[in-house]
PDB file of N, CA and C in Angstrom:
ATOM      1  N   UNK A   1      -0.497  36.568 -12.673  1.00  0.00           N
ATOM      2  CA  UNK A   1       0.915  36.429 -13.405  1.00  0.00           C
ATOM      3  C   UNK A   1       0.535  35.591 -14.683  1.00  0.00           C
ATOM      4  N   UNK A   2       0.349  36.233 -15.861  1.00  0.00           N
ATOM      5  CA  UNK A   2       0.297  35.459 -17.035  1.00  0.00           C
ATOM      6  C   UNK A   2       1.631  35.698 -18.060  1.00  0.00           C
ATOM      7  N   UNK A   3       1.392  34.727 -18.783  1.00  0.00           N
ATOM      8  CA  UNK A   3       2.751  34.656 -19.742  1.00  0.00           C
ATOM      9  C   UNK A   3       2.182  34.857 -21.047  1.00  0.00           C
ATOM     10  N   UNK A   4       1.697  35.928 -21.361  1.00  0.00           N
ATOM     11  CA  UNK A   4       1.102  36.114 -22.661  1.00  0.00           C
ATOM     12  C   UNK A   4       2.262  36.358 -23.779  1.00  0.00           C
ATOM     13  N   UNK A   5       2.097  35.649 -24.924  1.00  0.00           N
ATOM     14  CA  UNK A   5       2.959  35.819 -25.958  1.00  0.00           C
ATOM     15  C   UNK A   5       4.139  34.855 -25.802  1.00  0.00           C
ATOM     16  N   UNK A   6       4.147  34.106 -24.720  1.00  0.00           N
ATOM     17  CA  UNK A   6       5.301  33.206 -24.566  1.00  0.00           C
ATOM     18  C   UNK A   6       5.079  31.912 -25.401  1.00  0.00           C
ATOM     19  N   UNK A   7       5.915  31.460 -26.140  1.00  0.00           N
ATOM     20  CA  UNK A   7       5.685  30.247 -27.096  1.00  0.00           C
ATOM     21  C   UNK A   7       6.685  29.287 -26.603  1.00  0.00           C
ATOM     22  N   UNK A   8       6.456  28.020 -26.768  1.00  0.00           N
ATOM     23  CA  UNK A   8       7.112  26.815 -26.283  1.00  0.00           C
ATOM     24  C   UNK A   8       7.513  26.038 -27.572  1.00  0.00           C
ATOM     25  N   UNK A   9       8.716  25.391 -27.554  1.00  0.00           N
ATOM     26  CA  UNK A   9       8.965  24.481 -28.614  1.00  0.00           C
ATOM     27  C   UNK A   9       8.435  23.169 -28.475  1.00  0.00           C
ATOM     28  N   UNK A  10       8.087  22.459 -29.648  1.00  0.00           N
ATOM     29  CA  UNK A  10       7.477  21.085 -29.472  1.00  0.00           C
ATOM     30  C   UNK A  10       8.256  20.100 -28.757  1.00  0.00           C
ATOM     31  N   UNK A  11       9.527  20.390 -28.589  1.00  0.00           N
ATOM     32  CA  UNK A  11      10.271  19.449 -27.945  1.00  0.00           C
ATOM     33  C   UNK A  11       9.989  19.527 -26.399  1.00  0.00           C
ATOM     34  N   UNK A  12       9.651  20.675 -25.879  1.00  0.00           N
ATOM     35  CA  UNK A  12       9.072  20.926 -24.654  1.00  0.00           C
ATOM     36  C   UNK A  12       7.848  20.126 -24.297  1.00  0.00           C
ATOM     37  N   UNK A  13       6.929  20.155 -25.250  1.00  0.00           N
ATOM     38  CA  UNK A  13       5.673  19.374 -25.033  1.00  0.00           C
ATOM     39  C   UNK A  13       6.004  17.969 -25.092  1.00  0.00           C
ATOM     40  N   UNK A  14       6.946  17.516 -25.984  1.00  0.00           N
ATOM     41  CA  UNK A  14       7.274  16.063 -26.000  1.00  0.00           C
ATOM     42  C   UNK A  14       7.912  15.464 -24.860  1.00  0.00           C
ATOM     43  N   UNK A  15       8.811  16.371 -24.192  1.00  0.00           N
ATOM     44  CA  UNK A  15       9.510  16.062 -22.953  1.00  0.00           C
ATOM     45  C   UNK A  15       8.469  16.017 -21.783  1.00  0.00           C
ATOM     46  N   UNK A  16       7.544  17.015 -21.890  1.00  0.00           N
ATOM     47  CA  UNK A  16       6.534  17.011 -20.757  1.00  0.00           C
ATOM     48  C   UNK A  16       5.507  15.856 -20.847  1.00  0.00           C
ATOM     49  N   UNK A  17       5.232  15.300 -22.095  1.00  0.00           N
ATOM     50  CA  UNK A  17       4.440  14.168 -22.092  1.00  0.00           C
ATOM     51  C   UNK A  17       5.208  12.983 -21.524  1.00  0.00           C
ATOM     52  N   UNK A  18       6.357  12.867 -21.962  1.00  0.00           N
ATOM     53  CA  UNK A  18       7.181  11.848 -21.441  1.00  0.00           C
ATOM     54  C   UNK A  18       7.191  11.537 -19.968  1.00  0.00           C
ATOM     55  N   UNK A  19       7.745  12.802 -19.326  1.00  0.00           N
ATOM     56  CA  UNK A  19       7.656  12.856 -17.960  1.00  0.00           C
ATOM     57  C   UNK A  19       6.396  12.599 -17.260  1.00  0.00           C
ATOM     58  N   UNK A  20       5.160  13.206 -17.842  1.00  0.00           N
ATOM     59  CA  UNK A  20       3.974  12.871 -17.240  1.00  0.00           C
ATOM     60  C   UNK A  20       3.335  11.652 -17.388  1.00  0.00           C
ATOM     61  N   UNK A  21       3.757  10.879 -18.424  1.00  0.00           N
ATOM     62  CA  UNK A  21       3.567   9.485 -18.372  1.00  0.00           C
ATOM     63  C   UNK A  21       4.200   8.725 -17.390  1.00  0.00           C
ATOM     64  N   UNK A  22       5.481   8.779 -17.128  1.00  0.00           N
ATOM     65  CA  UNK A  22       6.358   8.400 -16.280  1.00  0.00           C
ATOM     66  C   UNK A  22       5.764   8.642 -14.854  1.00  0.00           C
ATOM     67  N   UNK A  23       5.280   9.836 -14.581  1.00  0.00           N
ATOM     68  CA  UNK A  23       4.985  10.313 -13.343  1.00  0.00           C
ATOM     69  C   UNK A  23       3.521   9.443 -13.080  1.00  0.00           C
ATOM     70  N   UNK A  24       2.805   9.385 -14.015  1.00  0.00           N
ATOM     71  CA  UNK A  24       1.477   8.654 -13.789  1.00  0.00           C
ATOM     72  C   UNK A  24       1.516   7.135 -13.429  1.00  0.00           C
ATOM     73  N   UNK A  25       2.719   6.499 -13.945  1.00  0.00           N
ATOM     74  CA  UNK A  25       2.868   5.255 -13.818  1.00  0.00           C
ATOM     75  C   UNK A  25       3.453   4.947 -12.247  1.00  0.00           C
ATOM     76  N   UNK A  26       4.079   5.807 -11.917  1.00  0.00           N
ATOM     77  CA  UNK A  26       4.836   5.419 -10.553  1.00  0.00           C
ATOM     78  C   UNK A  26       3.887   6.190  -9.404  1.00  0.00           C
ATOM     79  N   UNK A  27       4.101   5.430  -8.302  1.00  0.00           N
ATOM     80  CA  UNK A  27       3.272   5.950  -7.113  1.00  0.00           C
ATOM     81  C   UNK A  27       4.305   6.974  -6.418  1.00  0.00           C
ATOM     82  N   UNK A  28       3.711   7.924  -5.749  1.00  0.00           N
ATOM     83  CA  UNK A  28       4.533   9.075  -5.119  1.00  0.00           C
ATOM     84  C   UNK A  28       5.137   8.318  -3.685  1.00  0.00           C
ATOM     85  N   UNK A  29       6.196   8.634  -3.186  1.00  0.00           N
ATOM     86  CA  UNK A  29       6.809   8.139  -2.331  1.00  0.00           C
ATOM     87  C   UNK A  29       6.238   8.947  -1.093  1.00  0.00           C
ATOM     88  N   UNK A  30       5.641   7.899   0.012  1.00  0.00           N
ATOM     89  CA  UNK A  30       5.144   8.591   1.237  1.00  0.00           C
ATOM     90  C   UNK A  30       6.325   8.998   2.123  1.00  0.00           C
ATOM     91  N   UNK A  31       6.253  10.130   2.799  1.00  0.00           N
ATOM     92  CA  UNK A  31       7.221  10.339   3.836  1.00  0.00           C
ATOM     93  C   UNK A  31       6.908   9.514   5.014  1.00  0.00           C
ATOM     94  N   UNK A  32       5.757   9.243   5.397  1.00  0.00           N
ATOM     95  CA  UNK A  32       5.333   8.243   6.579  1.00  0.00           C
ATOM     96  C   UNK A  32       4.356   7.206   6.084  1.00  0.00           C
ATOM     97  N   UNK A  33       4.601   6.168   6.687  1.00  0.00           N
ATOM     98  CA  UNK A  33       3.705   4.839   6.331  1.00  0.00           C
ATOM     99  C   UNK A  33       2.448   4.799   7.228  1.00  0.00           C
ATOM    100  N   UNK A  34       1.531   4.331   6.787  1.00  0.00           N
ATOM    101  CA  UNK A  34       0.458   3.943   7.747  1.00  0.00           C
ATOM    102  C   UNK A  34       0.787   2.495   8.246  1.00  0.00           C
ATOM    103  N   UNK A  35       0.231   2.127   9.433  1.00  0.00           N
ATOM    104  CA  UNK A  35       0.596   0.743   9.957  1.00  0.00           C
ATOM    105  C   UNK A  35       0.306  -0.347   8.826  1.00  0.00           C
ATOM    106  N   UNK A  36      -0.780  -0.089   8.284  1.00  0.00           N
ATOM    107  CA  UNK A  36      -1.015  -1.129   7.193  1.00  0.00           C
ATOM    108  C   UNK A  36       0.095  -1.055   6.146  1.00  0.00           C
ATOM    109  N   UNK A  37       0.534  -0.041   5.598  1.00  0.00           N
ATOM    110  CA  UNK A  37       1.572   0.083   4.639  1.00  0.00           C
ATOM    111  C   UNK A  37       2.729  -0.424   5.131  1.00  0.00           C
ATOM    112  N   UNK A  38       2.941  -0.344   6.292  1.00  0.00           N
ATOM    113  CA  UNK A  38       4.336  -0.817   6.938  1.00  0.00           C
ATOM    114  C   UNK A  38       4.221  -2.154   6.919  1.00  0.00           C
ATOM    115  N   UNK A  39       3.125  -2.796   7.403  1.00  0.00           N
ATOM    116  CA  UNK A  39       3.004  -4.506   7.414  1.00  0.00           C
ATOM    117  C   UNK A  39       3.222  -4.828   6.048  1.00  0.00           C
ATOM    118  N   UNK A  40       2.692  -4.314   5.056  1.00  0.00           N
ATOM    119  CA  UNK A  40       2.769  -4.664   3.711  1.00  0.00           C
ATOM    120  C   UNK A  40       4.090  -4.548   3.104  1.00  0.00           C
ATOM    121  N   UNK A  41       4.980  -3.550   3.593  1.00  0.00           N
ATOM    122  CA  UNK A  41       6.281  -3.444   3.185  1.00  0.00           C
ATOM    123  C   UNK A  41       7.186  -4.479   3.729  1.00  0.00           C
ATOM    124  N   UNK A  42       6.788  -4.937   5.198  1.00  0.00           N
ATOM    125  CA  UNK A  42       7.512  -5.861   5.851  1.00  0.00           C
ATOM    126  C   UNK A  42       6.998  -7.394   5.651  1.00  0.00           C
ATOM    127  N   UNK A  43       6.147  -7.413   4.960  1.00  0.00           N
ATOM    128  CA  UNK A  43       5.444  -8.922   4.568  1.00  0.00           C
ATOM    129  C   UNK A  43       6.456  -9.899   4.280  1.00  0.00           C
ATOM    130  N   UNK A  44       7.454  -9.554   3.395  1.00  0.00           N
ATOM    131  CA  UNK A  44       8.248 -10.946   3.018  1.00  0.00           C
ATOM    132  C   UNK A  44       9.246 -11.304   4.349  1.00  0.00           C
ATOM    133  N   UNK A  45       9.467 -10.415   5.240  1.00  0.00           N
ATOM    134  CA  UNK A  45      10.250 -10.619   6.405  1.00  0.00           C
ATOM    135  C   UNK A  45       9.638 -11.417   7.270  1.00  0.00           C
ATOM    136  N   UNK A  46       8.189 -10.930   7.429  1.00  0.00           N
ATOM    137  CA  UNK A  46       7.377 -11.342   8.424  1.00  0.00           C
ATOM    138  C   UNK A  46       7.044 -12.974   8.011  1.00  0.00           C
ATOM    139  N   UNK A  47       6.709 -13.223   6.659  1.00  0.00           N
ATOM    140  CA  UNK A  47       6.514 -14.365   6.151  1.00  0.00           C
ATOM    141  C   UNK A  47       7.646 -15.486   6.357  1.00  0.00           C
ATOM    142  N   UNK A  48       8.903 -14.824   6.480  1.00  0.00           N
ATOM    143  CA  UNK A  48      10.281 -15.893   6.492  1.00  0.00           C
ATOM    144  C   UNK A  48      10.092 -16.194   8.098  1.00  0.00           C
ATOM    145  N   UNK A  49       9.795 -15.041   8.966  1.00  0.00           N
ATOM    146  CA  UNK A  49      10.068 -15.433  10.261  1.00  0.00           C
ATOM    147  C   UNK A  49       9.021 -16.375  10.741  1.00  0.00           C
ATOM    148  N   UNK A  50       7.762 -16.277  10.262  1.00  0.00           N
ATOM    149  CA  UNK A  50       6.758 -17.274  10.452  1.00  0.00           C
ATOM    150  C   UNK A  50       7.042 -18.630   9.924  1.00  0.00           C
ATOM    151  N   UNK A  51       7.679 -18.781   8.770  1.00  0.00           N
ATOM    152  CA  UNK A  51       8.030 -19.855   8.046  1.00  0.00           C
ATOM    153  C   UNK A  51       9.154 -20.634   8.812  1.00  0.00           C
ATOM    154  N   UNK A  52       9.768 -19.972   9.488  1.00  0.00           N
ATOM    155  CA  UNK A  52      10.884 -20.501  10.428  1.00  0.00           C
ATOM    156  C   UNK A  52      10.547 -20.981  11.772  1.00  0.00           C
ATOM    157  N   UNK A  53       9.064 -21.018  11.875  1.00  0.00           N
ATOM    158  CA  UNK A  53       8.449 -21.539  13.318  1.00  0.00           C
ATOM    159  C   UNK A  53       8.454 -20.478  14.237  1.00  0.00           C
ATOM    160  N   UNK A  54       8.717 -19.175  13.913  1.00  0.00           N
ATOM    161  CA  UNK A  54       8.501 -18.263  14.952  1.00  0.00           C
ATOM    162  C   UNK A  54       6.888 -17.808  15.234  1.00  0.00           C
ATOM    163  N   UNK A  55       6.538 -17.437  16.123  1.00  0.00           N
ATOM    164  CA  UNK A  55       5.229 -17.289  16.568  1.00  0.00           C
ATOM    165  C   UNK A  55       4.835 -15.774  16.115  1.00  0.00           C
ATOM    166  N   UNK A  56       3.589 -15.586  15.900  1.00  0.00           N
ATOM    167  CA  UNK A  56       2.982 -14.287  15.734  1.00  0.00           C
ATOM    168  C   UNK A  56       3.411 -13.269  16.579  1.00  0.00           C
ATOM    169  N   UNK A  57       3.291 -13.954  17.991  1.00  0.00           N
ATOM    170  CA  UNK A  57       3.578 -12.867  19.081  1.00  0.00           C
ATOM    171  C   UNK A  57       5.076 -12.473  19.052  1.00  0.00           C
ATOM    172  N   UNK A  58       5.971 -13.412  18.649  1.00  0.00           N
ATOM    173  CA  UNK A  58       7.368 -13.101  18.534  1.00  0.00           C
ATOM    174  C   UNK A  58       7.598 -12.038  17.545  1.00  0.00           C
ATOM    175  N   UNK A  59       6.813 -12.151  16.417  1.00  0.00           N
ATOM    176  CA  UNK A  59       7.111 -11.046  15.521  1.00  0.00           C
ATOM    177  C   UNK A  59       6.599  -9.715  15.991  1.00  0.00           C
ATOM    178  N   UNK A  60       5.372  -9.779  16.621  1.00  0.00           N
ATOM    179  CA  UNK A  60       4.940  -8.494  17.256  1.00  0.00           C
ATOM    180  C   UNK A  60       5.742  -7.893  18.225  1.00  0.00           C
ATOM    181  N   UNK A  61       6.610  -8.731  19.004  1.00  0.00           N
ATOM    182  CA  UNK A  61       7.618  -8.288  19.889  1.00  0.00           C
ATOM    183  C   UNK A  61       8.666  -7.451  19.082  1.00  0.00           C
ATOM    184  N   UNK A  62       9.052  -8.041  18.095  1.00  0.00           N
ATOM    185  CA  UNK A  62      10.084  -7.280  17.356  1.00  0.00           C
ATOM    186  C   UNK A  62       9.903  -6.056  16.866  1.00  0.00           C
ATOM    187  N   UNK A  63       8.509  -5.970  16.367  1.00  0.00           N
ATOM    188  CA  UNK A  63       7.855  -4.887  15.761  1.00  0.00           C
ATOM    189  C   UNK A  63       7.667  -3.878  16.915  1.00  0.00           C
ATOM    190  N   UNK A  64       7.319  -4.100  18.138  1.00  0.00           N
ATOM    191  CA  UNK A  64       7.045  -3.275  19.227  1.00  0.00           C
ATOM    192  C   UNK A  64       8.291  -2.728  19.679  1.00  0.00           C
ATOM    193  N   UNK A  65       9.315  -3.484  19.886  1.00  0.00           N
ATOM    194  CA  UNK A  65      10.631  -3.054  20.244  1.00  0.00           C
ATOM    195  C   UNK A  65      11.236  -2.131  19.290  1.00  0.00           C
ATOM    196  N   UNK A  66      10.714  -2.071  18.019  1.00  0.00           N
ATOM    197  CA  UNK A  66      11.415  -1.189  17.089  1.00  0.00           C
ATOM    198  C   UNK A  66      10.462   0.165  17.055  1.00  0.00           C
ATOM    199  N   UNK A  67       9.523   0.319  17.919  1.00  0.00           N
ATOM    200  CA  UNK A  67       8.727   1.431  18.045  1.00  0.00           C
ATOM    201  C   UNK A  67       7.391   1.251  17.233  1.00  0.00           C
ATOM    202  N   UNK A  68       6.833   0.055  16.793  1.00  0.00           N
ATOM    203  CA  UNK A  68       5.752  -0.054  16.125  1.00  0.00           C
ATOM    204  C   UNK A  68       4.616  -0.395  16.906  1.00  0.00           C
ATOM    205  N   UNK A  69       3.515   0.341  16.939  1.00  0.00           N
ATOM    206  CA  UNK A  69       2.385   0.195  17.982  1.00  0.00           C
ATOM    207  C   UNK A  69       1.306  -0.768  17.285  1.00  0.00           C
ATOM    208  N   UNK A  70       1.370  -1.981  17.732  1.00  0.00           N
ATOM    209  CA  UNK A  70       0.610  -3.064  16.990  1.00  0.00           C
ATOM    210  C   UNK A  70       0.384  -4.084  17.970  1.00  0.00           C
ATOM    211  N   UNK A  71      -0.681  -4.972  17.820  1.00  0.00           N
ATOM    212  CA  UNK A  71      -1.042  -5.983  18.592  1.00  0.00           C
ATOM    213  C   UNK A  71      -1.067  -7.097  17.874  1.00  0.00           C
ATOM    214  N   UNK A  72      -1.007  -8.259  18.330  1.00  0.00           N
ATOM    215  CA  UNK A  72      -1.010  -9.482  17.591  1.00  0.00           C
ATOM    216  C   UNK A  72      -2.331  -9.724  16.672  1.00  0.00           C
ATOM    217  N   UNK A  73      -3.412  -9.485  17.322  1.00  0.00           N
ATOM    218  CA  UNK A  73      -4.492  -9.427  16.490  1.00  0.00           C
ATOM    219  C   UNK A  73      -4.778  -8.661  15.269  1.00  0.00           C
ATOM    220  N   UNK A  74      -4.092  -7.362  15.449  1.00  0.00           N
ATOM    221  CA  UNK A  74      -3.964  -6.487  14.320  1.00  0.00           C
ATOM    222  C   UNK A  74      -3.032  -7.112  13.182  1.00  0.00           C
ATOM    223  N   UNK A  75      -1.956  -7.492  13.566  1.00  0.00           N
ATOM    224  CA  UNK A  75      -1.041  -8.017  12.480  1.00  0.00           C
ATOM    225  C   UNK A  75      -1.677  -9.193  11.808  1.00  0.00           C
ATOM    226  N   UNK A  76      -2.441 -10.101  12.587  1.00  0.00           N
ATOM    227  CA  UNK A  76      -2.977 -11.094  11.942  1.00  0.00           C
ATOM    228  C   UNK A  76      -3.952 -10.814  11.142  1.00  0.00           C
ATOM    229  N   UNK A  77      -4.775  -9.811  11.299  1.00  0.00           N
ATOM    230  CA  UNK A  77      -5.768  -9.325  10.375  1.00  0.00           C
ATOM    231  C   UNK A  77      -5.384  -8.542   9.257  1.00  0.00           C
ATOM    232  N   UNK A  78      -4.162  -7.790   9.278  1.00  0.00           N
ATOM    233  CA  UNK A  78      -3.576  -7.248   8.302  1.00  0.00           C
ATOM    234  C   UNK A  78      -2.946  -8.227   7.221  1.00  0.00           C
ATOM    235  N   UNK A  79      -2.298  -9.137   7.814  1.00  0.00           N
ATOM    236  CA  UNK A  79      -1.796 -10.349   7.097  1.00  0.00           C
ATOM    237  C   UNK A  79      -2.940 -10.980   6.237  1.00  0.00           C
ATOM    238  N   UNK A  80      -3.961 -11.421   7.024  1.00  0.00           N
ATOM    239  CA  UNK A  80      -5.077 -12.082   6.361  1.00  0.00           C
ATOM    240  C   UNK A  80      -5.640 -11.142   5.178  1.00  0.00           C
ATOM    241  N   UNK A  81      -5.765  -9.931   5.254  1.00  0.00           N
ATOM    242  CA  UNK A  81      -6.256  -9.139   4.325  1.00  0.00           C
ATOM    243  C   UNK A  81      -5.250  -8.892   3.202  1.00  0.00           C
ATOM    244  N   UNK A  82      -4.063  -9.022   3.317  1.00  0.00           N
ATOM    245  CA  UNK A  82      -3.145  -8.833   2.299  1.00  0.00           C
ATOM    246  C   UNK A  82      -3.150 -10.124   1.414  1.00  0.00           C
ATOM    247  N   UNK A  83      -3.312 -11.272   2.322  1.00  0.00           N
ATOM    248  CA  UNK A  83      -3.513 -12.524   1.310  1.00  0.00           C
ATOM    249  C   UNK A  83      -4.926 -12.531   0.724  1.00  0.00           C
ATOM    250  N   UNK A  84      -5.867 -12.052   1.211  1.00  0.00           N
ATOM    251  CA  UNK A  84      -7.188 -12.085   0.673  1.00  0.00           C
ATOM    252  C   UNK A  84      -7.028 -11.234  -0.654  1.00  0.00           C
ATOM    253  N   UNK A  85      -6.370 -10.052  -0.581  1.00  0.00           N
ATOM    254  CA  UNK A  85      -6.425  -9.006  -1.469  1.00  0.00           C
ATOM    255  C   UNK A  85      -5.476  -9.696  -2.788  1.00  0.00           C
ATOM    256  N   UNK A  86      -4.472 -10.337  -2.479  1.00  0.00           N
ATOM    257  CA  UNK A  86      -3.755 -10.979  -3.483  1.00  0.00           C
ATOM    258  C   UNK A  86      -4.578 -12.135  -4.216  1.00  0.00           C
ATOM    259  N   UNK A  87      -5.275 -12.961  -3.430  1.00  0.00           N
ATOM    260  CA  UNK A  87      -6.033 -14.109  -4.024  1.00  0.00           C
ATOM    261  C   UNK A  87      -7.264 -13.618  -4.732  1.00  0.00           C
ATOM    262  N   UNK A  88      -7.777 -12.516  -4.334  1.00  0.00           N
ATOM    263  CA  UNK A  88      -9.074 -11.998  -4.950  1.00  0.00           C
ATOM    264  C   UNK A  88      -8.878 -10.873  -5.978  1.00  0.00           C
ATOM    265  N   UNK A  89      -7.708 -10.253  -5.999  1.00  0.00           N
ATOM    266  CA  UNK A  89      -7.452  -9.207  -6.889  1.00  0.00           C
ATOM    267  C   UNK A  89      -7.990  -7.999  -6.580  1.00  0.00           C
ATOM    268  N   UNK A  90      -8.492  -7.691  -5.290  1.00  0.00           N
ATOM    269  CA  UNK A  90      -8.937  -6.587  -4.757  1.00  0.00           C
ATOM    270  C   UNK A  90      -8.025  -5.662  -4.262  1.00  0.00           C
ATOM    271  N   UNK A  91      -8.149  -4.403  -4.126  1.00  0.00           N
ATOM    272  CA  UNK A  91      -7.298  -3.465  -3.574  1.00  0.00           C
ATOM    273  C   UNK A  91      -8.154  -2.627  -2.318  1.00  0.00           C
ATOM    274  N   UNK A  92      -7.564  -2.481  -1.305  1.00  0.00           N
ATOM    275  CA  UNK A  92      -8.219  -1.478  -0.357  1.00  0.00           C
ATOM    276  C   UNK A  92      -8.292  -0.060  -0.946  1.00  0.00           C
ATOM    277  N   UNK A  93      -9.473   0.625  -0.593  1.00  0.00           N
ATOM    278  CA  UNK A  93      -9.629   1.856  -1.017  1.00  0.00           C
ATOM    279  C   UNK A  93      -9.078   2.803  -0.051  1.00  0.00           C
ATOM    280  N   UNK A  94      -8.993   4.059  -0.452  1.00  0.00           N
ATOM    281  CA  UNK A  94      -8.023   5.083   0.328  1.00  0.00           C
ATOM    282  C   UNK A  94      -8.574   5.163   1.859  1.00  0.00           C
ATOM    283  N   UNK A  95      -9.867   4.784   2.006  1.00  0.00           N
ATOM    284  CA  UNK A  95     -10.312   4.869   3.421  1.00  0.00           C
ATOM    285  C   UNK A  95     -10.253   3.588   4.307  1.00  0.00           C
ATOM    286  N   UNK A  96      -9.465   2.726   3.929  1.00  0.00           N
ATOM    287  CA  UNK A  96      -9.345   1.421   4.725  1.00  0.00           C
ATOM    288  C   UNK A  96     -10.436   0.403   4.428  1.00  0.00           C
ATOM    289  N   UNK A  97     -11.183   0.495   3.521  1.00  0.00           N
ATOM    290  CA  UNK A  97     -12.156  -0.486   3.201  1.00  0.00           C
ATOM    291  C   UNK A  97     -11.643  -1.445   2.225  1.00  0.00           C
ATOM    292  N   UNK A  98     -12.354  -2.682   2.245  1.00  0.00           N
ATOM    293  CA  UNK A  98     -11.810  -3.678   1.255  1.00  0.00           C
ATOM    294  C   UNK A  98     -13.076  -4.161   0.464  1.00  0.00           C
ATOM    295  N   UNK A  99     -13.126  -4.296  -0.757  1.00  0.00           N
ATOM    296  CA  UNK A  99     -14.190  -4.635  -1.591  1.00  0.00           C
ATOM    297  C   UNK A  99     -14.252  -6.129  -1.406  1.00  0.00           C
ATOM    298  N   UNK A 100     -15.344  -6.742  -1.158  1.00  0.00           N
ATOM    299  CA  UNK A 100     -15.440  -8.096  -0.825  1.00  0.00           C
ATOM    300  C   UNK A 100     -16.269  -8.531  -2.291  1.00  0.00           C
ATOM    301  N   UNK A 101     -15.500  -9.390  -3.128  1.00  0.00           N
ATOM    302  CA  UNK A 101     -16.138  -9.736  -4.361  1.00  0.00           C
ATOM    303  C   UNK A 101     -17.178 -10.841  -3.951  1.00  0.00           C
ATOM    304  N   UNK A 102     -18.496 -10.684  -4.407  1.00  0.00           N
ATOM    305  CA  UNK A 102     -19.429 -11.644  -4.656  1.00  0.00           C
ATOM    306  C   UNK A 102     -20.473 -11.184  -5.584  1.00  0.00           C
ATOM    307  N   UNK A 103     -21.759 -11.788  -5.568  1.00  0.00           N
ATOM    308  CA  UNK A 103     -22.799 -11.460  -6.426  1.00  0.00           C
ATOM    309  C   UNK A 103     -23.009  -9.996  -6.316  1.00  0.00           C
ATOM    310  N   UNK A 104     -23.243  -9.520  -5.098  1.00  0.00           N
ATOM    311  CA  UNK A 104     -23.572  -8.070  -4.866  1.00  0.00           C
ATOM    312  C   UNK A 104     -22.219  -7.463  -4.919  1.00  0.00           C
ATOM    313  N   UNK A 105     -21.724  -6.752  -6.006  1.00  0.00           N
ATOM    314  CA  UNK A 105     -20.337  -6.323  -5.781  1.00  0.00           C
ATOM    315  C   UNK A 105     -20.378  -4.905  -5.076  1.00  0.00           C
ATOM    316  N   UNK A 106     -21.478  -4.451  -4.761  1.00  0.00           N
ATOM    317  CA  UNK A 106     -21.474  -3.204  -4.010  1.00  0.00           C
ATOM    318  C   UNK A 106     -21.271  -3.306  -2.483  1.00  0.00           C
ATOM    319  N   UNK A 107     -20.993  -4.528  -1.885  1.00  0.00           N
ATOM    320  CA  UNK A 107     -20.699  -4.761  -0.390  1.00  0.00           C
ATOM    321  C   UNK A 107     -19.448  -4.313   0.053  1.00  0.00           C
ATOM    322  N   UNK A 108     -19.346  -3.706   1.004  1.00  0.00           N
ATOM    323  CA  UNK A 108     -17.906  -3.327   1.466  1.00  0.00           C
ATOM    324  C   UNK A 108     -17.896  -3.745   3.053  1.00  0.00           C
ATOM    325  N   UNK A 109     -16.722  -4.127   3.335  1.00  0.00           N
ATOM    326  CA  UNK A 109     -16.561  -4.513   4.816  1.00  0.00           C
ATOM    327  C   UNK A 109     -15.358  -3.626   5.412  1.00  0.00           C
ATOM    328  N   UNK A 110     -15.655  -2.859   6.487  1.00  0.00           N
ATOM    329  CA  UNK A 110     -14.812  -1.996   6.958  1.00  0.00           C
ATOM    330  C   UNK A 110     -13.642  -2.526   7.692  1.00  0.00           C
ATOM    331  N   UNK A 111     -12.302  -2.286   7.634  1.00  0.00           N
ATOM    332  CA  UNK A 111     -11.236  -2.883   8.182  1.00  0.00           C
ATOM    333  C   UNK A 111     -10.979  -2.442   9.486  1.00  0.00           C
TER     334      UNK A 111
END
């Protein structure tokens, strides 16, 4: 199906450019979160609970009761990775690996 001979006004191009720039700057909303994404989203509330002297186990119990399948060790690891990412300015890649900044910038550690 081709649209030969169809011409578009320059206003259409301008509007498309604006909308595509906006689209490029925003992240698509995920319908489902990975466990790691969920922990990242809940991070402020988790930090508040820990700051109020609740244990990591107590936080895990709340998450498990809500239907989240997580262990204390995993939560601790994800929180540590989130802290490391903020401090080092690294971001995990799409396959769950985290770049480890050092002299050999090509090293990766699987999460």
